[in-house]
Amino acid sequence: IFGLTALAQWLVPLAGIRQHEQTLANGTLFKIKCSASDPYDPLRGRYLAVRPEQREVKMPAGMKLQHGMRIYGTLTTGPDGLASVTDLSLDPPAGGDFIRLTSDYVNDGKAVIQWPFDRFYLNEKLAPEADTWLAENIRSTQGILAEVRVLNGRAVLADLTFDGKPFREILKKKKSD
């Protein structure tokens, strides 16, 4: 029994890591417009709080939602290359790219959604540069894009980009200047 318990303690985290890495390697790439602030948490370290712009999705007729329910959203890429959630369902769609979401509340026939990602972690050395850079560029018309990989409803935040350039590269360049 002890051996099985010890084995399970290793297998559960390893299975989660494997699923995360498979999503990064094989998932479909979507770009989602968002904002990001740079909070500091003494327990979690430095990260960017990622907030996708889309917060509401029109609910299908007859759909009943409660706070905290798991729902599935179909992702559609628009002509501008940005993805958005276009349809909601209580069950995973049979085809297409979809993402697991959480319902927050319902407002005038629209579901307010919570995305499955909200943090982009940074190297501690780059964090002060990120704070300065964000303060200077947050109001830019370009906006920050979250690059999200999606596979079988699971979403992994792969990177943040600004003007087509990865965020970490921008910060490293700024730091070296």
N, C-alpha and C. Protein backbone atom coordinates (compact mmCIF):
# COMPACT_ATOMS: atom_id res chain seq x y z
N ILE A 1 0.84 -1.19 0.00
CA ILE A 1 0.00 0.00 0.00
C ILE A 1 0.88 1.26 0.00
N PHE A 2 1.94 1.22 0.81
CA PHE A 2 2.84 2.37 0.84
C PHE A 2 3.47 2.62 -0.54
N GLY A 3 3.88 1.57 -1.21
CA GLY A 3 4.49 1.68 -2.54
C GLY A 3 3.54 2.29 -3.55
N LEU A 4 2.27 1.85 -3.51
CA LEU A 4 1.26 2.40 -4.43
C LEU A 4 1.00 3.88 -4.14
N THR A 5 0.97 4.24 -2.87
CA THR A 5 0.76 5.64 -2.50
C THR A 5 1.93 6.50 -2.97
N ALA A 6 3.13 6.02 -2.77
CA ALA A 6 4.32 6.77 -3.21
C ALA A 6 4.33 6.91 -4.73
N LEU A 7 3.98 5.86 -5.43
CA LEU A 7 3.92 5.90 -6.89
C LEU A 7 2.87 6.90 -7.37
N ALA A 8 1.70 6.91 -6.73
CA ALA A 8 0.63 7.84 -7.10
C ALA A 8 1.05 9.29 -6.89
N GLN A 9 1.83 9.54 -5.84
CA GLN A 9 2.30 10.90 -5.57
C GLN A 9 3.22 11.41 -6.68
N TRP A 10 3.88 10.53 -7.37
CA TRP A 10 4.73 10.93 -8.49
C TRP A 10 3.94 10.97 -9.79
N LEU A 11 3.02 10.03 -9.98
CA LEU A 11 2.30 9.92 -11.25
C LEU A 11 1.32 11.07 -11.50
N VAL A 12 0.65 11.53 -10.46
CA VAL A 12 -0.35 12.59 -10.64
C VAL A 12 0.30 13.88 -11.15
N PRO A 13 1.35 14.40 -10.52
CA PRO A 13 1.96 15.62 -11.06
C PRO A 13 2.60 15.39 -12.44
N LEU A 14 3.19 14.23 -12.65
CA LEU A 14 3.81 13.95 -13.95
C LEU A 14 2.76 13.90 -15.06
N ALA A 15 1.58 13.37 -14.76
CA ALA A 15 0.51 13.34 -15.76
C ALA A 15 0.07 14.76 -16.11
N GLY A 16 -0.02 15.63 -15.12
CA GLY A 16 -0.38 17.03 -15.37
C GLY A 16 0.66 17.75 -16.21
N ILE A 17 1.93 17.50 -15.93
CA ILE A 17 3.01 18.10 -16.70
C ILE A 17 2.97 17.60 -18.14
N ARG A 18 2.76 16.30 -18.30
CA ARG A 18 2.70 15.72 -19.66
C ARG A 18 1.55 16.34 -20.45
N GLN A 19 0.40 16.49 -19.84
CA GLN A 19 -0.76 17.08 -20.52
C GLN A 19 -0.48 18.53 -20.91
N HIS A 20 0.16 19.28 -20.02
CA HIS A 20 0.54 20.67 -20.28
C HIS A 20 1.50 20.74 -21.48
N GLU A 21 2.51 19.90 -21.48
CA GLU A 21 3.51 19.90 -22.56
C GLU A 21 2.90 19.44 -23.89
N GLN A 22 1.99 18.49 -23.86
CA GLN A 22 1.32 18.05 -25.09
C GLN A 22 0.48 19.18 -25.68
N THR A 23 -0.17 19.95 -24.83
CA THR A 23 -0.96 21.08 -25.30
C THR A 23 -0.05 22.12 -25.95
N LEU A 24 1.08 22.41 -25.33
CA LEU A 24 2.03 23.37 -25.92
C LEU A 24 2.58 22.87 -27.26
N ALA A 25 2.87 21.58 -27.34
CA ALA A 25 3.48 21.03 -28.55
C ALA A 25 2.48 20.81 -29.68
N ASN A 26 1.27 20.36 -29.37
CA ASN A 26 0.33 19.95 -30.41
C ASN A 26 -0.93 20.81 -30.50
N GLY A 27 -1.10 21.75 -29.59
CA GLY A 27 -2.33 22.54 -29.58
C GLY A 27 -2.37 23.58 -30.69
N THR A 28 -3.57 23.99 -31.03
CA THR A 28 -3.80 25.02 -32.03
C THR A 28 -3.51 26.37 -31.40
N LEU A 29 -2.79 27.23 -32.11
CA LEU A 29 -2.41 28.54 -31.61
C LEU A 29 -3.52 29.55 -31.86
N PHE A 30 -3.93 30.25 -30.83
CA PHE A 30 -4.91 31.34 -30.92
C PHE A 30 -4.30 32.58 -30.30
N LYS A 31 -4.60 33.73 -30.88
CA LYS A 31 -4.15 35.01 -30.32
C LYS A 31 -5.37 35.74 -29.79
N ILE A 32 -5.29 36.16 -28.54
CA ILE A 32 -6.41 36.79 -27.85
C ILE A 32 -5.95 38.13 -27.32
N LYS A 33 -6.68 39.19 -27.65
CA LYS A 33 -6.32 40.52 -27.18
C LYS A 33 -6.58 40.61 -25.69
N CYS A 34 -5.61 41.18 -24.97
CA CYS A 34 -5.74 41.24 -23.52
C CYS A 34 -4.97 42.43 -22.97
N SER A 35 -5.08 42.60 -21.68
CA SER A 35 -4.26 43.57 -20.97
C SER A 35 -3.47 42.79 -19.93
N ALA A 36 -2.42 43.42 -19.45
CA ALA A 36 -1.59 42.74 -18.45
C ALA A 36 -1.01 43.78 -17.50
N SER A 37 -1.18 43.54 -16.23
CA SER A 37 -0.54 44.39 -15.23
C SER A 37 0.52 43.56 -14.51
N ASP A 38 1.40 44.22 -13.80
CA ASP A 38 2.52 43.53 -13.17
C ASP A 38 2.41 43.57 -11.65
N PRO A 39 1.63 42.68 -11.07
CA PRO A 39 1.56 42.64 -9.61
C PRO A 39 2.72 41.84 -9.02
N TYR A 40 2.90 41.97 -7.74
CA TYR A 40 3.93 41.20 -7.04
C TYR A 40 3.25 40.44 -5.92
N ASP A 41 3.56 39.18 -5.84
CA ASP A 41 3.02 38.34 -4.78
C ASP A 41 4.22 37.67 -4.10
N PRO A 42 4.42 37.90 -2.80
CA PRO A 42 5.60 37.34 -2.15
C PRO A 42 5.67 35.81 -2.19
N LEU A 43 4.55 35.14 -2.32
CA LEU A 43 4.56 33.68 -2.36
C LEU A 43 4.70 33.14 -3.78
N ARG A 44 4.15 33.85 -4.77
CA ARG A 44 4.18 33.35 -6.15
C ARG A 44 5.24 34.03 -7.00
N GLY A 45 5.81 35.11 -6.53
CA GLY A 45 6.83 35.81 -7.30
C GLY A 45 6.21 36.83 -8.25
N ARG A 46 6.98 37.20 -9.28
CA ARG A 46 6.55 38.20 -10.25
C ARG A 46 5.81 37.52 -11.38
N TYR A 47 4.74 38.15 -11.80
CA TYR A 47 3.98 37.64 -12.94
C TYR A 47 3.19 38.79 -13.54
N LEU A 48 2.73 38.58 -14.76
CA LEU A 48 1.83 39.53 -15.38
C LEU A 48 0.42 38.98 -15.24
N ALA A 49 -0.47 39.79 -14.72
CA ALA A 49 -1.88 39.38 -14.60
C ALA A 49 -2.52 39.57 -15.97
N VAL A 50 -2.84 38.48 -16.63
CA VAL A 50 -3.38 38.51 -17.99
C VAL A 50 -4.90 38.56 -17.93
N ARG A 51 -5.47 39.56 -18.59
CA ARG A 51 -6.92 39.74 -18.60
C ARG A 51 -7.42 39.86 -20.04
N PRO A 52 -7.94 38.76 -20.62
CA PRO A 52 -8.49 38.87 -21.98
C PRO A 52 -9.60 39.91 -22.04
N GLU A 53 -9.65 40.64 -23.17
CA GLU A 53 -10.66 41.69 -23.32
C GLU A 53 -12.08 41.14 -23.32
N GLN A 54 -12.27 40.00 -23.97
CA GLN A 54 -13.62 39.44 -24.03
C GLN A 54 -14.00 38.88 -22.67
N ARG A 55 -15.06 39.42 -22.13
CA ARG A 55 -15.55 38.97 -20.82
C ARG A 55 -16.96 38.39 -20.91
N GLU A 56 -17.69 38.74 -21.97
CA GLU A 56 -19.08 38.29 -22.10
C GLU A 56 -19.28 37.55 -23.41
N VAL A 57 -20.15 36.53 -23.34
CA VAL A 57 -20.52 35.76 -24.52
C VAL A 57 -22.03 35.58 -24.49
N LYS A 58 -22.66 35.81 -25.65
CA LYS A 58 -24.11 35.64 -25.73
C LYS A 58 -24.47 34.18 -25.46
N MET A 59 -25.45 33.98 -24.59
CA MET A 59 -25.86 32.62 -24.22
C MET A 59 -26.90 32.09 -25.20
N PRO A 60 -26.83 30.79 -25.51
CA PRO A 60 -27.88 30.19 -26.33
C PRO A 60 -29.21 30.20 -25.58
N ALA A 61 -30.30 30.24 -26.32
CA ALA A 61 -31.63 30.24 -25.70
C ALA A 61 -31.82 28.98 -24.86
N GLY A 62 -32.35 29.14 -23.68
CA GLY A 62 -32.64 28.02 -22.80
C GLY A 62 -31.48 27.54 -21.95
N MET A 63 -30.33 28.10 -22.12
CA MET A 63 -29.17 27.68 -21.31
C MET A 63 -29.29 28.26 -19.91
N LYS A 64 -29.15 27.42 -18.93
CA LYS A 64 -29.21 27.83 -17.52
C LYS A 64 -27.82 27.72 -16.92
N LEU A 65 -27.33 28.82 -16.44
CA LEU A 65 -26.00 28.84 -15.84
C LEU A 65 -26.06 29.30 -14.40
N GLN A 66 -25.14 28.77 -13.63
CA GLN A 66 -24.95 29.21 -12.25
C GLN A 66 -23.49 29.59 -12.09
N HIS A 67 -23.22 30.37 -11.07
CA HIS A 67 -21.85 30.80 -10.80
C HIS A 67 -20.94 29.59 -10.60
N GLY A 68 -19.80 29.60 -11.26
CA GLY A 68 -18.81 28.55 -11.08
C GLY A 68 -19.00 27.30 -11.92
N MET A 69 -20.00 27.28 -12.79
CA MET A 69 -20.22 26.10 -13.64
C MET A 69 -19.15 26.02 -14.72
N ARG A 70 -18.72 24.80 -15.04
CA ARG A 70 -17.81 24.58 -16.16
C ARG A 70 -18.63 24.62 -17.44
N ILE A 71 -18.17 25.44 -18.37
CA ILE A 71 -18.82 25.54 -19.67
C ILE A 71 -17.75 25.44 -20.76
N TYR A 72 -18.18 25.25 -21.99
CA TYR A 72 -17.26 25.11 -23.11
C TYR A 72 -17.57 26.19 -24.13
N GLY A 73 -16.53 26.85 -24.58
CA GLY A 73 -16.68 27.90 -25.57
C GLY A 73 -15.97 27.55 -26.86
N THR A 74 -16.66 27.75 -27.99
CA THR A 74 -16.06 27.52 -29.30
C THR A 74 -15.23 28.73 -29.67
N LEU A 75 -13.98 28.50 -30.05
CA LEU A 75 -13.09 29.59 -30.44
C LEU A 75 -13.15 29.79 -31.96
N THR A 76 -13.29 31.05 -32.35
CA THR A 76 -13.33 31.40 -33.76
C THR A 76 -12.34 32.53 -34.00
N THR A 77 -11.55 32.40 -35.05
CA THR A 77 -10.59 33.44 -35.40
C THR A 77 -11.24 34.40 -36.39
N GLY A 78 -11.19 35.69 -36.06
CA GLY A 78 -11.78 36.71 -36.92
C GLY A 78 -10.84 37.13 -38.04
N PRO A 79 -11.30 38.04 -38.91
CA PRO A 79 -10.48 38.50 -40.03
C PRO A 79 -9.21 39.22 -39.58
N ASP A 80 -9.21 39.74 -38.36
CA ASP A 80 -8.02 40.43 -37.83
C ASP A 80 -6.99 39.46 -37.24
N GLY A 81 -7.30 38.15 -37.27
CA GLY A 81 -6.39 37.14 -36.75
C GLY A 81 -6.55 36.88 -35.26
N LEU A 82 -7.47 37.58 -34.61
CA LEU A 82 -7.68 37.41 -33.17
C LEU A 82 -8.83 36.45 -32.92
N ALA A 83 -8.68 35.65 -31.90
CA ALA A 83 -9.70 34.66 -31.55
C ALA A 83 -10.67 35.22 -30.52
N SER A 84 -11.88 34.70 -30.56
CA SER A 84 -12.88 35.03 -29.56
C SER A 84 -13.79 33.83 -29.36
N VAL A 85 -14.46 33.81 -28.23
CA VAL A 85 -15.43 32.76 -27.94
C VAL A 85 -16.74 33.17 -28.59
N THR A 86 -17.27 32.30 -29.46
CA THR A 86 -18.49 32.65 -30.19
C THR A 86 -19.71 31.88 -29.73
N ASP A 87 -19.55 30.66 -29.25
CA ASP A 87 -20.69 29.85 -28.81
C ASP A 87 -20.36 29.20 -27.47
N LEU A 88 -21.39 29.03 -26.66
CA LEU A 88 -21.23 28.35 -25.37
C LEU A 88 -22.07 27.09 -25.35
N SER A 89 -21.60 26.09 -24.61
CA SER A 89 -22.38 24.88 -24.39
C SER A 89 -21.99 24.28 -23.05
N LEU A 90 -22.86 23.44 -22.53
CA LEU A 90 -22.58 22.78 -21.26
C LEU A 90 -21.73 21.53 -21.44
N ASP A 91 -21.72 20.99 -22.67
CA ASP A 91 -20.95 19.79 -22.99
C ASP A 91 -19.89 20.13 -24.03
N PRO A 92 -18.78 19.39 -24.06
CA PRO A 92 -17.76 19.67 -25.06
C PRO A 92 -18.32 19.51 -26.47
N PRO A 93 -18.03 20.45 -27.37
CA PRO A 93 -18.50 20.33 -28.75
C PRO A 93 -17.89 19.09 -29.42
N ALA A 94 -18.61 18.55 -30.41
CA ALA A 94 -18.14 17.35 -31.10
C ALA A 94 -16.93 17.63 -31.99
N GLY A 95 -16.82 18.85 -32.49
CA GLY A 95 -15.70 19.18 -33.36
C GLY A 95 -15.29 20.62 -33.21
N GLY A 96 -14.21 20.97 -33.86
CA GLY A 96 -13.71 22.34 -33.80
C GLY A 96 -12.86 22.58 -32.57
N ASP A 97 -12.35 23.78 -32.49
CA ASP A 97 -11.52 24.15 -31.35
C ASP A 97 -12.39 24.77 -30.27
N PHE A 98 -12.24 24.27 -29.07
CA PHE A 98 -13.03 24.78 -27.95
C PHE A 98 -12.15 24.87 -26.72
N ILE A 99 -12.66 25.62 -25.75
CA ILE A 99 -11.90 25.89 -24.54
C ILE A 99 -12.82 25.73 -23.33
N ARG A 100 -12.29 25.17 -22.25
CA ARG A 100 -13.06 25.05 -21.00
C ARG A 100 -13.01 26.40 -20.29
N LEU A 101 -14.16 26.88 -19.91
CA LEU A 101 -14.30 28.15 -19.22
C LEU A 101 -15.08 27.93 -17.94
N THR A 102 -15.17 28.97 -17.14
CA THR A 102 -16.00 28.94 -15.94
C THR A 102 -16.97 30.11 -16.02
N SER A 103 -18.23 29.85 -15.71
CA SER A 103 -19.21 30.94 -15.73
C SER A 103 -19.07 31.74 -14.44
N ASP A 104 -19.15 33.04 -14.59
CA ASP A 104 -19.07 33.92 -13.43
C ASP A 104 -20.50 34.30 -13.03
N TYR A 105 -21.20 34.95 -13.93
CA TYR A 105 -22.61 35.27 -13.70
C TYR A 105 -23.26 35.59 -15.04
N VAL A 106 -24.56 35.76 -15.03
CA VAL A 106 -25.32 36.07 -16.24
C VAL A 106 -25.80 37.50 -16.15
N ASN A 107 -25.65 38.22 -17.26
CA ASN A 107 -26.04 39.62 -17.31
C ASN A 107 -26.75 39.89 -18.63
N ASP A 108 -28.06 40.09 -18.59
CA ASP A 108 -28.84 40.47 -19.77
C ASP A 108 -28.65 39.50 -20.94
N GLY A 109 -28.77 38.21 -20.68
CA GLY A 109 -28.65 37.20 -21.73
C GLY A 109 -27.23 36.88 -22.15
N LYS A 110 -26.27 37.42 -21.43
CA LYS A 110 -24.87 37.15 -21.74
C LYS A 110 -24.20 36.53 -20.51
N ALA A 111 -23.34 35.57 -20.78
CA ALA A 111 -22.59 34.94 -19.70
C ALA A 111 -21.28 35.68 -19.53
N VAL A 112 -20.97 36.05 -18.32
CA VAL A 112 -19.67 36.62 -18.01
C VAL A 112 -18.76 35.44 -17.68
N ILE A 113 -17.64 35.35 -18.40
CA ILE A 113 -16.79 34.16 -18.32
C ILE A 113 -15.47 34.44 -17.60
N GLN A 114 -14.92 33.37 -17.05
CA GLN A 114 -13.57 33.39 -16.48
C GLN A 114 -12.72 32.49 -17.37
N TRP A 115 -11.62 33.04 -17.85
CA TRP A 115 -10.70 32.28 -18.70
C TRP A 115 -9.86 31.34 -17.85
N PRO A 116 -9.35 30.25 -18.42
CA PRO A 116 -8.57 29.28 -17.64
C PRO A 116 -7.12 29.69 -17.38
N PHE A 117 -6.74 30.88 -17.79
CA PHE A 117 -5.40 31.37 -17.53
C PHE A 117 -5.50 32.80 -17.06
N ASP A 118 -4.63 33.18 -16.14
CA ASP A 118 -4.67 34.57 -15.66
C ASP A 118 -3.30 35.09 -15.25
N ARG A 119 -2.26 34.24 -15.38
CA ARG A 119 -0.92 34.67 -14.97
C ARG A 119 0.12 34.26 -16.01
N PHE A 120 1.05 35.16 -16.25
CA PHE A 120 2.21 34.88 -17.10
C PHE A 120 3.42 35.19 -16.26
N TYR A 121 4.15 34.15 -15.85
CA TYR A 121 5.25 34.33 -14.91
C TYR A 121 6.50 34.84 -15.61
N LEU A 122 7.23 35.69 -14.88
CA LEU A 122 8.43 36.33 -15.40
C LEU A 122 9.64 35.96 -14.56
N ASN A 123 10.79 36.08 -15.18
CA ASN A 123 12.04 35.97 -14.46
C ASN A 123 12.12 37.16 -13.50
N GLU A 124 12.54 36.93 -12.29
CA GLU A 124 12.60 38.00 -11.28
C GLU A 124 13.46 39.18 -11.73
N LYS A 125 14.49 38.91 -12.52
CA LYS A 125 15.37 39.97 -12.99
C LYS A 125 14.71 40.85 -14.04
N LEU A 126 13.75 40.28 -14.79
CA LEU A 126 13.07 41.04 -15.84
C LEU A 126 11.84 41.78 -15.32
N ALA A 127 11.37 41.43 -14.14
CA ALA A 127 10.13 42.00 -13.61
C ALA A 127 10.15 43.52 -13.48
N PRO A 128 11.19 44.14 -12.95
CA PRO A 128 11.18 45.61 -12.87
C PRO A 128 11.10 46.27 -14.25
N GLU A 129 11.77 45.69 -15.24
CA GLU A 129 11.70 46.20 -16.61
C GLU A 129 10.28 46.05 -17.15
N ALA A 130 9.64 44.94 -16.83
CA ALA A 130 8.26 44.71 -17.29
C ALA A 130 7.33 45.77 -16.73
N ASP A 131 7.50 46.10 -15.48
CA ASP A 131 6.65 47.10 -14.85
C ASP A 131 6.81 48.46 -15.54
N THR A 132 8.04 48.86 -15.78
CA THR A 132 8.31 50.14 -16.45
C THR A 132 7.78 50.12 -17.87
N TRP A 133 8.07 49.04 -18.60
CA TRP A 133 7.64 48.94 -19.98
C TRP A 133 6.13 48.97 -20.10
N LEU A 134 5.44 48.22 -19.22
CA LEU A 134 3.98 48.21 -19.27
C LEU A 134 3.39 49.58 -19.00
N ALA A 135 3.94 50.29 -18.04
CA ALA A 135 3.44 51.64 -17.73
C ALA A 135 3.58 52.56 -18.93
N GLU A 136 4.64 52.40 -19.71
CA GLU A 136 4.87 53.25 -20.88
C GLU A 136 4.01 52.86 -22.07
N ASN A 137 3.66 51.59 -22.21
CA ASN A 137 3.02 51.10 -23.44
C ASN A 137 1.60 50.57 -23.28
N ILE A 138 1.04 50.58 -22.09
CA ILE A 138 -0.26 49.94 -21.87
C ILE A 138 -1.38 50.58 -22.67
N ARG A 139 -1.27 51.85 -22.98
CA ARG A 139 -2.33 52.53 -23.71
C ARG A 139 -2.12 52.52 -25.21
N SER A 140 -1.15 51.78 -25.67
CA SER A 140 -0.87 51.70 -27.10
C SER A 140 -2.05 51.08 -27.84
N THR A 141 -2.26 51.50 -29.08
CA THR A 141 -3.35 50.94 -29.88
C THR A 141 -3.04 49.51 -30.31
N GLN A 142 -1.75 49.12 -30.26
CA GLN A 142 -1.36 47.78 -30.68
C GLN A 142 -1.95 46.73 -29.74
N GLY A 143 -1.86 46.98 -28.46
CA GLY A 143 -2.38 46.04 -27.48
C GLY A 143 -1.46 44.86 -27.27
N ILE A 144 -1.69 44.16 -26.22
CA ILE A 144 -0.93 42.97 -25.89
C ILE A 144 -1.76 41.77 -26.31
N LEU A 145 -1.12 40.80 -26.96
CA LEU A 145 -1.80 39.59 -27.39
C LEU A 145 -1.30 38.41 -26.58
N ALA A 146 -2.24 37.62 -26.10
CA ALA A 146 -1.89 36.37 -25.43
C ALA A 146 -1.88 35.28 -26.49
N GLU A 147 -0.78 34.56 -26.58
CA GLU A 147 -0.70 33.42 -27.49
C GLU A 147 -1.04 32.18 -26.67
N VAL A 148 -2.16 31.59 -27.01
CA VAL A 148 -2.70 30.48 -26.23
C VAL A 148 -2.76 29.24 -27.12
N ARG A 149 -2.26 28.14 -26.62
CA ARG A 149 -2.36 26.85 -27.31
C ARG A 149 -3.54 26.09 -26.72
N VAL A 150 -4.39 25.55 -27.61
CA VAL A 150 -5.61 24.85 -27.18
C VAL A 150 -5.62 23.45 -27.77
N LEU A 151 -5.86 22.46 -26.92
CA LEU A 151 -5.96 21.07 -27.35
C LEU A 151 -7.00 20.37 -26.49
N ASN A 152 -8.04 19.87 -27.12
CA ASN A 152 -9.11 19.13 -26.43
C ASN A 152 -9.70 19.91 -25.25
N GLY A 153 -9.90 21.20 -25.43
CA GLY A 153 -10.51 22.02 -24.40
C GLY A 153 -9.55 22.61 -23.40
N ARG A 154 -8.35 22.09 -23.36
CA ARG A 154 -7.34 22.58 -22.41
C ARG A 154 -6.58 23.74 -23.06
N ALA A 155 -6.39 24.83 -22.33
CA ALA A 155 -5.69 26.00 -22.84
C ALA A 155 -4.44 26.25 -22.01
N VAL A 156 -3.33 26.56 -22.70
CA VAL A 156 -2.07 26.87 -22.04
C VAL A 156 -1.58 28.20 -22.60
N LEU A 157 -1.30 29.14 -21.73
CA LEU A 157 -0.77 30.44 -22.13
C LEU A 157 0.70 30.24 -22.50
N ALA A 158 1.00 30.34 -23.80
CA ALA A 158 2.35 30.07 -24.28
C ALA A 158 3.25 31.30 -24.21
N ASP A 159 2.70 32.46 -24.56
CA ASP A 159 3.52 33.66 -24.60
C ASP A 159 2.62 34.88 -24.67
N LEU A 160 3.22 36.03 -24.44
CA LEU A 160 2.57 37.31 -24.67
C LEU A 160 3.37 38.02 -25.75
N THR A 161 2.68 38.71 -26.66
CA THR A 161 3.37 39.44 -27.70
C THR A 161 2.86 40.88 -27.75
N PHE A 162 3.73 41.75 -28.23
CA PHE A 162 3.38 43.15 -28.44
C PHE A 162 3.97 43.53 -29.79
N ASP A 163 3.13 43.97 -30.71
CA ASP A 163 3.58 44.36 -32.04
C ASP A 163 4.31 43.20 -32.73
N GLY A 164 3.84 41.97 -32.51
CA GLY A 164 4.41 40.80 -33.15
C GLY A 164 5.69 40.28 -32.53
N LYS A 165 6.15 40.90 -31.46
CA LYS A 165 7.40 40.47 -30.82
C LYS A 165 7.09 39.84 -29.47
N PRO A 166 7.76 38.71 -29.16
CA PRO A 166 7.55 38.09 -27.85
C PRO A 166 7.95 39.04 -26.72
N PHE A 167 7.17 39.03 -25.69
CA PHE A 167 7.34 39.94 -24.57
C PHE A 167 8.70 39.78 -23.89
N ARG A 168 9.14 38.55 -23.69
CA ARG A 168 10.44 38.32 -23.02
C ARG A 168 11.59 38.91 -23.83
N GLU A 169 11.51 38.80 -25.17
CA GLU A 169 12.57 39.37 -26.01
C GLU A 169 12.59 40.90 -25.90
N ILE A 170 11.43 41.52 -25.86
CA ILE A 170 11.35 42.97 -25.72
C ILE A 170 12.02 43.40 -24.42
N LEU A 171 11.73 42.70 -23.34
CA LEU A 171 12.28 43.05 -22.04
C LEU A 171 13.79 42.80 -21.98
N LYS A 172 14.27 41.69 -22.56
CA LYS A 172 15.70 41.43 -22.56
C LYS A 172 16.44 42.49 -23.36
N LYS A 173 15.87 42.89 -24.49
CA LYS A 173 16.49 43.93 -25.31
C LYS A 173 16.53 45.25 -24.55
N LYS A 174 15.41 45.60 -23.90
CA LYS A 174 15.35 46.84 -23.14
C LYS A 174 16.36 46.83 -22.00
N LYS A 175 16.51 45.68 -21.35
CA LYS A 175 17.45 45.57 -20.23
C LYS A 175 18.89 45.72 -20.69
N SER A 176 19.20 45.19 -21.89
CA SER A 176 20.58 45.27 -22.39
C SER A 176 20.92 46.66 -22.95
N ASP A 177 19.90 47.47 -23.27
CA ASP A 177 20.16 48.82 -23.81
C ASP A 177 20.67 49.77 -22.79
